Protein backbone atom coordinates (compact mmCIF):
# COMPACT_ATOMS: atom_id res chain seq x y z
CA MET A 1 20.43 112.68 94.12
CA ASP A 2 19.99 116.18 92.80
CA VAL A 3 17.83 117.02 89.79
CA MET A 4 20.85 117.51 87.52
CA GLY A 5 22.04 114.01 88.35
CA LYS A 6 18.76 112.62 87.01
CA LEU A 7 19.02 114.28 83.60
CA LYS A 8 19.82 112.21 80.56
CA PHE A 9 22.54 114.44 79.14
CA ASP A 10 22.86 112.49 75.90
CA GLU A 11 19.18 113.18 75.14
CA VAL A 12 19.48 116.82 76.20
CA LEU A 13 22.51 117.30 73.94
CA LYS A 14 20.75 115.61 71.04
CA ARG A 15 17.77 117.95 71.36
CA THR A 16 20.08 120.95 71.77
CA TYR A 17 22.02 120.08 68.60
CA GLU A 18 18.77 119.59 66.68
CA GLY A 19 17.41 122.94 67.84
CA LEU A 20 20.61 124.79 67.01
CA TYR A 21 20.81 123.21 63.56
CA GLN A 22 17.23 124.24 62.78
CA THR A 23 17.41 127.88 63.79
CA THR A 24 18.67 130.53 61.42
CA THR A 25 18.64 133.12 64.19
CA PRO A 26 22.11 134.29 65.22
CA THR A 27 22.84 132.43 68.44
CA LEU A 28 25.41 132.90 71.17
CA VAL A 29 26.48 129.97 73.34
CA SER A 30 28.04 131.39 76.50
CA TRP A 31 29.27 128.80 78.98
CA GLY A 32 31.03 128.65 82.31
CA MET A 33 34.50 127.15 82.06
CA GLN A 34 34.03 125.27 85.34
CA ASP A 35 30.55 123.81 84.68
CA SER A 36 30.49 120.47 86.47
CA TYR A 37 27.49 119.14 84.52
CA LEU A 38 28.52 119.84 80.93
CA PRO A 39 32.13 120.70 80.15
CA ALA A 40 32.74 123.93 78.26
CA THR A 41 34.57 121.90 75.61
CA ASP A 42 31.29 120.07 74.85
CA ALA A 43 29.39 123.36 74.65
CA GLN A 44 32.05 124.75 72.32
CA ALA A 45 31.92 121.65 70.11
CA CYS A 46 28.12 121.97 69.93
CA ALA A 47 28.34 125.63 68.95
CA GLU A 48 30.99 125.00 66.32
CA ALA A 49 29.17 122.00 64.84
CA THR A 50 26.00 124.04 64.41
CA GLY A 51 27.62 127.25 63.18
CA LYS A 52 26.86 129.23 66.33
CA GLU A 53 29.16 131.57 68.19
CA PHE A 54 30.80 130.35 71.40
CA ARG A 55 32.08 132.61 74.18
CA PRO A 56 33.33 130.99 77.35
CA VAL A 57 32.95 132.76 80.68
CA PRO A 58 36.38 132.55 82.31
CA GLY A 59 37.35 132.03 85.91
CA GLN A 60 35.35 129.82 88.25
CA ALA A 61 32.09 130.26 86.33
CA GLY A 62 30.05 127.08 86.55
CA PHE A 63 26.49 125.95 85.89
CA LEU A 64 24.74 129.15 87.05
CA VAL A 65 27.01 131.41 85.08
CA GLN A 66 24.29 133.98 84.35
CA MET A 67 23.74 134.45 88.08
CA ASP A 68 27.27 134.05 89.44
CA TYR A 69 29.03 135.99 86.67
CA ALA A 70 26.24 138.24 85.45
CA GLU A 71 28.56 141.04 84.31
CA SER A 72 30.68 138.68 82.18
CA VAL A 73 27.57 137.19 80.60
CA TYR A 74 26.12 140.66 80.02
CA ASN A 75 29.36 141.73 78.29
CA ALA A 76 29.33 138.65 76.05
CA ILE A 77 25.70 139.28 75.05
CA ARG A 78 26.26 143.00 74.54
CA ASP A 79 29.27 142.37 72.31
CA PHE A 80 27.38 139.68 70.38
CA VAL A 81 24.39 141.89 69.53
CA ARG A 82 26.48 144.86 68.45
């Protein structure tokens, strides 16, 4: 079993929600649309529930979106900080 299969996603999501609720820092949630570990719809719901901005990375972007689709992630971050 891979490391990701051992994670307790419910606990990870709970901690993520708590952290996002607590921060007042502008936050961008950028997520691969084809992530096989956490669906982009869950990431979007988390961002919306905590008042953060969500920008999906289209195409076949998955779990390692920042590595596999670096230019798309860069563009999302660049646009967010402008």
